Every structure is written in structure tokens, then in C-alpha cells.
Amino acid sequence: MKLQFKEIFKSFGEKKVLKGISFTAESGMAFGILGRNGAGKTTSIRILMDVFAADSGEVLLDGKKIDYSGIKIGYLPEERGLYRKMKVGEQAMYFARLKGMSAVEASSELKKWFVRFGIESWWNKRVEELSKGMAQKVQFITTVVHRPSLLILDEPFSGFDPVNAQIIREEILRLKEEGATIILSTHNMESVEELCDEIALINRSHVVVSGG
């Protein structure tokens, strides 16, 4: 699988947010989009996810326009979105079913993840009972439970203490070893150095550094 950003331009009114952004990520690669807040990282991710349309340029998968119905994608947005009144297990099942998993498969895979993260006791808690970091763990699980081949993570370590951030890093590396292509947007250089094979450094809407 080869993901390409080709000369992507995007403006909002008079503000030019992306000015000819280009990069390529291959299967089994973790690719980092690095830059300060406001550099254009999240806009790049939203164009990749077809939330925004680019003004010009192309996003291609294996040389073709992405068919979002034909690929397993996991997307962890910077703005987290769990329903606070729902129980954790109920909500995790809901998201897994949205991603095409059967009830039996979803229940089995979710429980494996809950055991791996040591959060079995959270299944019947309401989301509003969880701390921000606890809720982040749940949302990470719902992002990856269906084993996506393309995993898109926007500031995935936001809200985590160092111990839990390391747990998430290890899981991202494991998913990469299993063949997932990972796009990681962050302002944290340490995370990029540990996880990413190649990067695009965005500054003032341009890619100023690209490569390994």
C-alpha cells in the first residue's frame, strides 16, 4: 500500500493553510507529520480523511483516489469524542460494530484489548467516571480494534502521563510490525524519533524537511 500526498493546497478564506504539501508513506511505515500548532498538520489529516476537500492536488492510495469504503482505516482525531453518559463497554461495542465487526468478534477483540491495557473493570463504568487519560485509552482501543491497514493518529499522546504514553507507543510499534501504515501528526519530536521511519516537517504551511 502506497499513500501519496501530491501538491496539496488548502485555504480558508484569505488564509493559506497548506501550500503544496507532498509526501509518500509505504506499507508497514510510520510516517510523522511534525510541526508547531497551527502549522497545518490537522488540516492535512482532515484532507486525508476526506473531512475537508483540498483546493488542488491529490491524495492517492496505490495511485488511485482513495475508496474509503474499501479500506480499513483507524482514525484518532485530536478532538476526542466519547459519549459521556454511555457505559464504556457499550460504547466500545458501538464503535466496533460501526467498523463492520460482528457482535461476537467485537466483544472478543475488545475484551482482549481491555485485558492488555488492564482495564477490564471499566467495562460497566460510564465514560463520565473516567479521567481524561482513561478515556484516551478507551478511544485508542476503539480506533484500532478492527485491525486497520491505515492508522491515522492526530496528537495521540495528548492527555497521557509518561507511563501510559509509553504503553501507547509500544502498541503503535506493534501495529506497525503487523503491517499497518501509520500516519502520526504531532508537535512532539521525541515521539517522532521513537516511532517514525520518515517525517515531513511543516512550517508556515510548507514542508521544509522530508525524509528519514
Protein backbone atom coordinates (compact mmCIF):
# COMPACT_ATOMS: atom_id res chain seq x y z
CA MET A 1 0.00 0.00 0.00
CA LYS A 2 1.39 3.39 -1.03
CA LEU A 3 -0.18 6.60 0.27
CA GLN A 4 0.71 9.83 -1.54
CA PHE A 5 0.02 13.48 -0.84
CA LYS A 6 0.70 15.33 -4.10
CA GLU A 7 0.95 19.13 -4.11
CA ILE A 8 -1.94 19.73 -1.69
CA PHE A 9 -3.11 23.34 -1.37
CA LYS A 10 -5.79 24.49 1.07
CA SER A 11 -7.06 27.91 2.09
CA PHE A 12 -9.79 29.10 4.40
CA GLY A 13 -10.85 32.49 3.10
CA GLU A 14 -7.71 34.58 2.74
CA LYS A 15 -5.65 32.30 4.98
CA LYS A 16 -3.44 29.83 3.12
CA VAL A 17 -3.13 26.79 5.39
CA LEU A 18 -1.31 24.35 3.09
CA LYS A 19 0.96 25.39 0.24
CA GLY A 20 1.88 22.42 -1.93
CA ILE A 21 2.24 19.71 0.71
CA SER A 22 3.69 16.45 -0.68
CA PHE A 23 4.84 13.22 0.96
CA THR A 24 4.68 9.43 0.47
CA ALA A 25 4.12 6.66 3.04
CA GLU A 26 4.56 2.95 2.27
CA SER A 27 3.01 -0.17 3.84
CA GLY A 28 4.38 -1.00 7.28
CA MET A 29 5.80 2.51 7.67
CA ALA A 30 5.16 5.03 10.41
CA PHE A 31 5.22 8.47 8.81
CA GLY A 32 5.36 11.53 11.03
CA ILE A 33 3.81 14.89 10.20
CA LEU A 34 5.67 17.23 12.53
CA GLY A 35 5.13 20.91 13.23
CA ARG A 36 4.00 23.55 15.67
CA ASN A 37 0.35 24.10 16.49
CA GLY A 38 -1.20 25.93 13.53
CA ALA A 39 1.39 24.67 11.03
CA GLY A 40 -1.19 22.72 9.01
CA LYS A 41 -0.87 19.21 10.46
CA THR A 42 -4.50 18.72 11.42
CA THR A 43 -5.73 20.20 8.14
CA SER A 44 -3.54 17.65 6.30
CA ILE A 45 -5.09 14.84 8.35
CA ARG A 46 -8.62 16.10 7.68
CA ILE A 47 -7.96 16.23 3.96
CA LEU A 48 -6.61 12.68 4.13
CA MET A 49 -9.81 11.62 5.94
CA ASP A 50 -11.98 13.44 3.35
CA VAL A 51 -13.35 15.78 6.04
CA PHE A 52 -12.01 18.75 4.04
CA ALA A 53 -11.57 18.93 0.28
CA ALA A 54 -8.24 20.22 -0.99
CA ASP A 55 -8.31 23.30 -3.19
CA SER A 56 -5.92 21.50 -5.53
CA GLY A 57 -3.64 18.47 -5.51
CA GLU A 58 -4.38 14.79 -4.94
CA VAL A 59 -4.38 12.19 -2.16
CA LEU A 60 -3.77 8.78 -3.71
CA LEU A 61 -3.66 5.21 -2.46
CA ASP A 62 -1.73 2.89 -4.78
CA GLY A 63 -2.00 5.54 -7.48
CA LYS A 64 -5.78 5.94 -7.25
CA LYS A 65 -8.25 8.16 -5.41
CA ILE A 66 -8.98 6.58 -2.02
CA ASP A 67 -12.05 4.36 -1.84
CA TYR A 68 -12.95 4.85 1.83
CA SER A 69 -15.48 2.01 1.72
CA GLY A 70 -12.84 -0.46 0.57
CA ILE A 71 -10.09 0.03 3.15
CA LYS A 72 -9.92 -0.44 6.91
CA ILE A 73 -9.00 2.92 8.40
CA GLY A 74 -8.47 3.78 12.05
CA TYR A 75 -8.67 7.50 12.83
CA LEU A 76 -7.91 9.02 16.22
CA PRO A 77 -8.75 12.75 15.98
CA GLU A 78 -7.15 15.39 18.15
CA GLU A 79 -10.60 16.29 19.48
CA ARG A 80 -11.69 13.13 21.30
CA GLY A 81 -15.36 12.17 21.06
CA LEU A 82 -16.82 9.67 23.53
CA TYR A 83 -20.42 9.85 24.74
CA ARG A 84 -20.12 10.68 28.41
CA LYS A 85 -23.38 9.09 29.57
CA MET A 86 -22.80 5.72 27.88
CA LYS A 87 -21.08 2.80 29.57
CA VAL A 88 -17.55 2.14 28.35
CA GLY A 89 -18.19 -1.39 27.08
CA GLU A 90 -21.44 -0.41 25.39
CA GLN A 91 -19.75 2.47 23.61
CA ALA A 92 -16.73 0.42 22.57
CA MET A 93 -19.09 -2.19 21.10
CA TYR A 94 -20.99 0.53 19.26
CA PHE A 95 -17.85 1.87 17.56
CA ALA A 96 -16.59 -1.63 16.73
CA ARG A 97 -19.91 -2.51 15.09
CA LEU A 98 -19.78 0.73 13.07
CA LYS A 99 -16.47 -0.53 11.68
CA GLY A 100 -18.09 -3.68 10.36
CA MET A 101 -17.29 -6.14 13.14
CA SER A 102 -19.89 -8.71 14.20
CA ALA A 103 -21.12 -8.59 17.80
CA VAL A 104 -19.23 -11.78 18.66
CA GLU A 105 -15.98 -10.62 17.02
CA ALA A 106 -16.23 -7.13 18.55
CA SER A 107 -16.84 -8.47 22.06
CA SER A 108 -13.95 -10.93 21.80
CA GLU A 109 -11.42 -8.43 20.41
CA LEU A 110 -12.43 -5.62 22.78
CA LYS A 111 -12.07 -7.84 25.82
CA LYS A 112 -8.58 -8.84 24.65
CA TRP A 113 -7.63 -5.16 24.42
CA PHE A 114 -9.18 -4.36 27.79
CA VAL A 115 -7.12 -7.16 29.37
CA ARG A 116 -3.96 -5.98 27.58
CA PHE A 117 -4.45 -2.48 28.97
CA GLY A 118 -5.50 -3.73 32.42
CA ILE A 119 -8.89 -2.01 32.26
CA GLU A 120 -11.33 -4.94 32.49
CA SER A 121 -13.06 -3.29 35.45
CA TRP A 122 -14.00 -0.27 33.32
CA TRP A 123 -16.45 -2.18 31.09
CA ASN A 124 -19.56 -1.14 33.04
CA LYS A 125 -18.35 2.31 34.09
CA ARG A 126 -19.83 5.38 32.47
CA VAL A 127 -17.42 7.47 30.42
CA GLU A 128 -18.08 10.48 32.68
CA GLU A 129 -16.50 8.49 35.54
CA LEU A 130 -13.17 8.25 33.69
CA SER A 131 -10.27 10.65 33.82
CA LYS A 132 -9.07 12.19 30.56
CA GLY A 133 -6.22 9.67 30.30
CA MET A 134 -8.55 6.75 30.99
CA ALA A 135 -10.95 7.93 28.28
CA GLN A 136 -8.00 8.29 25.90
CA LYS A 137 -7.15 4.61 26.39
CA VAL A 138 -10.70 3.61 25.54
CA GLN A 139 -10.72 5.75 22.41
CA PHE A 140 -7.38 4.35 21.27
CA ILE A 141 -8.80 0.83 21.59
CA THR A 142 -11.90 1.74 19.56
CA THR A 143 -9.59 3.18 16.88
CA VAL A 144 -7.55 0.01 16.39
CA VAL A 145 -9.88 -2.86 17.41
CA HIS A 146 -10.81 -3.69 13.79
CA ARG A 147 -7.13 -4.01 12.80
CA PRO A 148 -6.93 -1.14 10.31
CA SER A 149 -4.42 -1.27 7.47
CA LEU A 150 -4.18 2.54 7.57
CA LEU A 151 -3.95 4.12 11.02
CA ILE A 152 -4.16 7.91 11.32
CA LEU A 153 -3.27 9.42 14.70
CA ASP A 154 -3.60 13.14 15.44
CA GLU A 155 -1.65 14.05 18.62
CA PRO A 156 -2.21 10.54 20.08
CA PHE A 157 -0.30 11.18 23.32
CA SER A 158 -2.28 14.24 24.38
CA GLY A 159 -3.59 13.75 27.92
CA PHE A 160 -1.38 10.76 28.79
CA ASP A 161 1.11 10.58 31.64
CA PRO A 162 4.58 9.24 30.67
CA VAL A 163 3.81 5.62 31.68
CA ASN A 164 0.61 5.38 29.64
CA ALA A 165 2.15 7.30 26.73
CA GLN A 166 4.84 4.59 26.58
CA ILE A 167 2.17 1.86 26.57
CA ILE A 168 0.51 3.53 23.58
CA ARG A 169 3.87 3.91 21.80
CA GLU A 170 4.53 0.19 22.21
CA GLU A 171 1.11 -0.67 20.79
CA ILE A 172 1.67 1.63 17.79
CA LEU A 173 5.01 -0.08 17.12
CA ARG A 174 3.36 -3.49 17.37
CA LEU A 175 0.66 -2.47 14.88
CA LYS A 176 3.37 -1.21 12.51
CA GLU A 177 5.21 -4.53 12.78
CA GLU A 178 1.95 -6.26 11.84
CA GLY A 179 1.93 -4.28 8.58
CA ALA A 180 -0.25 -1.23 9.26
CA THR A 181 0.67 2.04 7.57
CA ILE A 182 0.66 4.73 10.27
CA ILE A 183 0.34 8.48 9.81
CA LEU A 184 1.25 10.29 13.02
CA SER A 185 0.63 14.01 13.43
CA THR A 186 2.37 15.60 16.41
CA HIS A 187 4.43 18.53 17.65
CA ASN A 188 6.45 16.17 19.87
CA MET A 189 9.90 15.42 18.41
CA GLU A 190 10.56 12.64 20.96
CA SER A 191 7.53 10.67 19.73
CA VAL A 192 8.61 11.06 16.11
CA GLU A 193 12.16 9.89 16.82
CA GLU A 194 10.94 6.77 18.62
CA LEU A 195 8.14 5.78 16.25
CA CYS A 196 8.59 7.15 12.75
CA ASP A 197 10.58 5.85 9.80
CA GLU A 198 10.23 9.10 7.87
CA ILE A 199 8.84 12.57 8.54
CA ALA A 200 7.54 15.69 6.87
CA LEU A 201 8.27 18.82 8.90
CA ILE A 202 5.67 21.50 8.18
CA ASN A 203 6.43 25.13 8.91
CA ARG A 204 4.26 28.06 7.80
CA SER A 205 2.16 25.77 5.60
CA HIS A 206 5.15 24.32 3.69
CA VAL A 207 7.04 21.05 4.01
CA VAL A 208 10.51 22.31 4.93
CA VAL A 209 12.14 18.94 5.69
CA SER A 210 11.16 15.50 4.37
CA GLY A 211 12.78 12.09 4.66
CA GLY A 212 14.17 9.57 7.11
